[in-house]
Amino acid sequence: MKKISKLLIGTNNKGKYKEIKDLLPKYIKTYSTSEFRLKSPIEDGLTFSENSLIKSRHFSKKTNLICLADDSGLEIDILDKNPGIYSARWSGKNGDFKKAINRVYEELSKKDKNWKFKKVKARFICALSICYLDKKIASVLGKVEGYISANPKGKNGFGYDPIFIPKNRRKTFSEMSSFQKYKIDHRFVAFKKIRKFL
């Protein structure tokens, strides 16, 4: 396979786009879905991997470019691994993650009033896939284990970053610099696996 020199990053989430672009080799010219005014497809897969492939195929066919798409989210064990593949949907139509975080806290309080005094296990999962039109080039999964913070902390990051503390750390992803976060997060774990396809 010859080296990929042009790549569409299949996301309409600005935070995700920046993180993926920062992880890619510098020689790859990247395009965003907003440059083509593309709407996201209906994600009706049952797993992160299926939804990632739905996006990379859809955006590739629309633009004729090789597309790298991500589907990622937060699984919380005592919430039966929710929000999971519905992580973005919990933020509503406008992508309001304050609303999503409040919902996480509400659901946790329903399950266990004293959850704030316990280590609530959770993980971030990232599925990355590369497609060219209908052809799947690669599909990988990255995970990072951790816990839910009793309060949102930090100003960096996006999504659920303010409430996620990775294992063996004390800070949430939002309290870390992007450089610190990129070195350990779920997207970086997935990137290490997909790098050989780029």
Protein backbone atom coordinates (compact mmCIF):
# COMPACT_ATOMS: atom_id res chain seq x y z
CA MET A 1 0.00 0.00 0.00
CA LYS A 2 1.37 3.37 -0.90
CA LYS A 3 1.60 6.05 1.76
CA ILE A 4 -1.53 8.10 2.39
CA SER A 5 -0.83 11.74 1.58
CA LYS A 6 -4.38 13.14 1.79
CA LEU A 7 -6.88 12.22 4.44
CA LEU A 8 -10.36 13.34 5.35
CA ILE A 9 -10.97 13.36 9.11
CA GLY A 10 -14.54 12.18 9.43
CA THR A 11 -15.90 14.19 12.32
CA ASN A 12 -17.91 17.35 12.88
CA ASN A 13 -16.55 17.66 16.42
CA LYS A 14 -13.88 20.40 16.47
CA GLY A 15 -12.12 19.05 19.58
CA LYS A 16 -11.88 15.58 18.06
CA TYR A 17 -10.69 16.98 14.71
CA LYS A 18 -7.85 18.89 16.39
CA GLU A 19 -6.77 15.90 18.47
CA ILE A 20 -6.71 13.55 15.46
CA LYS A 21 -4.88 16.10 13.29
CA ASP A 22 -2.27 16.57 16.02
CA LEU A 23 -1.66 12.82 16.19
CA LEU A 24 -1.26 12.35 12.43
CA PRO A 25 2.12 12.42 10.66
CA LYS A 26 2.83 15.98 9.48
CA TYR A 27 3.22 15.00 5.79
CA ILE A 28 -0.48 14.06 5.56
CA LYS A 29 -2.71 16.85 4.26
CA THR A 30 -5.95 16.75 6.21
CA TYR A 31 -9.43 17.85 5.29
CA SER A 32 -12.40 18.33 7.60
CA THR A 33 -15.99 17.38 6.89
CA SER A 34 -17.00 21.02 7.43
CA GLU A 35 -14.96 22.02 4.35
CA PHE A 36 -17.35 19.87 2.32
CA ARG A 37 -20.39 20.86 4.42
CA LEU A 38 -21.09 17.22 5.15
CA LYS A 39 -23.64 16.08 7.69
CA SER A 40 -22.88 13.03 9.80
CA PRO A 41 -24.65 9.81 8.79
CA ILE A 42 -27.14 8.02 11.02
CA GLU A 43 -25.06 5.93 13.40
CA ASP A 44 -27.14 2.80 13.84
CA GLY A 45 -24.29 0.41 14.64
CA LEU A 46 -24.33 -1.51 17.91
CA THR A 47 -20.64 -1.00 18.71
CA PHE A 48 -18.06 1.79 18.51
CA SER A 49 -16.34 -0.09 15.66
CA GLU A 50 -19.52 -0.40 13.59
CA ASN A 51 -20.33 3.30 14.00
CA SER A 52 -16.77 4.30 13.13
CA LEU A 53 -16.99 2.29 9.88
CA ILE A 54 -20.41 3.76 9.03
CA LYS A 55 -18.83 7.24 9.26
CA SER A 56 -15.60 6.50 7.38
CA ARG A 57 -17.47 4.79 4.49
CA HIS A 58 -20.09 7.52 4.28
CA PHE A 59 -17.64 10.43 4.25
CA SER A 60 -15.27 8.68 1.84
CA LYS A 61 -18.04 8.04 -0.69
CA LYS A 62 -19.21 11.66 -0.42
CA THR A 63 -15.75 13.12 -1.08
CA ASN A 64 -13.83 10.41 -2.96
CA LEU A 65 -11.08 10.79 -0.34
CA ILE A 66 -9.63 8.20 2.01
CA CYS A 67 -11.38 8.84 5.33
CA LEU A 68 -10.31 8.25 8.92
CA ALA A 69 -13.26 8.30 11.31
CA ASP A 70 -13.48 7.90 15.04
CA ASP A 71 -16.31 6.74 17.25
CA SER A 72 -15.62 7.10 20.89
CA GLY A 73 -17.34 7.36 24.21
CA LEU A 74 -17.44 6.77 27.92
CA GLU A 75 -18.49 3.50 29.55
CA ILE A 76 -19.40 3.53 33.25
CA ASP A 77 -19.61 0.08 34.81
CA ILE A 78 -22.39 0.70 37.36
CA LEU A 79 -24.51 2.33 34.64
CA ASP A 80 -24.42 -0.91 32.62
CA LYS A 81 -21.64 0.61 30.51
CA ASN A 82 -23.74 3.64 29.56
CA PRO A 83 -23.56 6.22 27.99
CA GLY A 84 -21.32 4.04 25.77
CA ILE A 85 -22.16 4.39 22.07
CA TYR A 86 -24.75 7.02 23.06
CA SER A 87 -22.13 9.30 24.67
CA ALA A 88 -22.60 12.09 22.11
CA ARG A 89 -26.38 11.73 22.13
CA TRP A 90 -26.51 12.39 25.87
CA SER A 91 -25.30 15.91 25.05
CA GLY A 92 -28.44 16.63 22.99
CA LYS A 93 -28.78 18.18 19.54
CA ASN A 94 -26.48 21.09 20.35
CA GLY A 95 -23.66 18.95 21.73
CA ASP A 96 -23.96 20.44 25.22
CA PHE A 97 -21.62 18.30 27.33
CA LYS A 98 -22.50 20.15 30.53
CA LYS A 99 -25.93 18.64 30.04
CA ALA A 100 -24.37 15.20 29.36
CA ILE A 101 -22.18 15.41 32.48
CA ASN A 102 -25.21 16.40 34.59
CA ARG A 103 -27.06 13.39 33.23
CA VAL A 104 -24.14 11.11 34.17
CA TYR A 105 -24.25 12.50 37.73
CA GLU A 106 -28.05 12.11 37.92
CA GLU A 107 -27.89 8.49 36.73
CA LEU A 108 -25.08 7.71 39.19
CA SER A 109 -27.07 9.22 42.08
CA LYS A 110 -30.08 7.08 41.12
CA LYS A 111 -27.89 3.95 41.27
CA ASP A 112 -26.00 4.84 44.44
CA LYS A 113 -26.50 7.97 46.56
CA ASN A 114 -22.97 7.61 47.96
CA TRP A 115 -21.20 7.13 44.63
CA LYS A 116 -19.09 10.27 45.17
CA PHE A 117 -17.25 8.53 48.03
CA LYS A 118 -16.41 5.47 45.94
CA LYS A 119 -14.18 4.70 42.99
CA VAL A 120 -16.64 4.49 40.13
CA LYS A 121 -14.92 2.51 37.39
CA ALA A 122 -15.15 3.82 33.85
CA ARG A 123 -13.25 3.76 30.60
CA PHE A 124 -12.94 5.80 27.45
CA ILE A 125 -13.08 3.77 24.24
CA CYS A 126 -12.04 4.92 20.78
CA ALA A 127 -12.68 3.00 17.56
CA LEU A 128 -10.76 4.29 14.55
CA SER A 129 -11.36 3.13 11.01
CA ILE A 130 -9.98 4.03 7.62
CA CYS A 131 -12.08 3.45 4.51
CA TYR A 132 -11.69 4.29 0.87
CA LEU A 133 -15.16 4.29 -0.68
CA ASP A 134 -16.59 0.87 0.24
CA LYS A 135 -13.25 -0.71 1.05
CA LYS A 136 -12.24 -1.06 4.69
CA ILE A 137 -8.50 -0.41 5.07
CA ALA A 138 -8.28 -0.68 8.85
CA SER A 139 -10.34 -0.82 12.04
CA VAL A 140 -8.84 -0.69 15.55
CA LEU A 141 -9.89 -0.11 19.15
CA GLY A 142 -8.15 1.85 21.94
CA LYS A 143 -9.15 1.95 25.62
CA VAL A 144 -8.09 3.82 28.73
CA GLU A 145 -9.35 2.71 32.17
CA GLY A 146 -10.13 5.13 34.95
CA TYR A 147 -12.69 6.57 37.37
CA ILE A 148 -15.40 9.22 37.48
CA SER A 149 -14.50 12.43 39.30
CA ALA A 150 -17.02 13.57 41.97
CA ASN A 151 -16.98 17.04 40.36
CA PRO A 152 -16.09 18.35 36.89
CA LYS A 153 -12.54 19.72 36.96
CA GLY A 154 -10.30 21.52 34.48
CA LYS A 155 -10.70 23.79 31.49
CA ASN A 156 -8.95 21.82 28.75
CA GLY A 157 -10.20 18.97 26.61
CA PHE A 158 -13.78 18.43 25.49
CA GLY A 159 -16.74 16.10 25.99
CA TYR A 160 -16.55 14.08 29.19
CA ASP A 161 -12.89 14.99 29.85
CA PRO A 162 -13.71 17.09 32.98
CA ILE A 163 -15.10 14.06 34.85
CA PHE A 164 -12.67 11.32 33.80
CA ILE A 165 -9.59 10.51 35.88
CA PRO A 166 -7.33 7.94 34.17
CA LYS A 167 -6.00 5.08 36.30
CA ASN A 168 -2.89 5.88 38.38
CA ARG A 169 -3.42 9.65 37.89
CA ARG A 170 -4.94 12.30 40.07
CA LYS A 171 -6.04 14.78 37.45
CA THR A 172 -8.97 14.64 35.06
CA PHE A 173 -8.23 14.78 31.33
CA SER A 174 -9.43 18.41 31.41
CA GLU A 175 -6.83 19.34 34.02
CA MET A 176 -4.00 18.02 31.83
CA SER A 177 -2.32 19.86 29.01
CA SER A 178 -3.24 18.49 25.59
CA PHE A 179 0.31 17.11 25.33
CA GLN A 180 -0.06 15.16 28.61
CA LYS A 181 -3.47 13.87 27.60
CA TYR A 182 -2.45 12.83 24.07
CA LYS A 183 0.28 10.61 25.50
CA ILE A 184 -2.12 8.40 27.43
CA ASP A 185 -5.66 8.73 26.10
CA HIS A 186 -7.83 6.20 24.25
CA ARG A 187 -7.34 7.94 20.91
CA PHE A 188 -3.56 7.70 21.24
CA VAL A 189 -3.81 3.98 22.11
CA ALA A 190 -5.91 3.43 18.96
CA PHE A 191 -3.52 5.61 16.91
CA LYS A 192 -0.54 3.47 17.84
CA LYS A 193 -2.40 0.50 16.34
CA ILE A 194 -3.54 2.28 13.16
CA ARG A 195 -0.27 4.12 12.41
CA LYS A 196 1.11 1.33 10.23
CA PHE A 197 -1.82 1.79 7.81
CA LEU A 198 -1.02 5.46 7.24
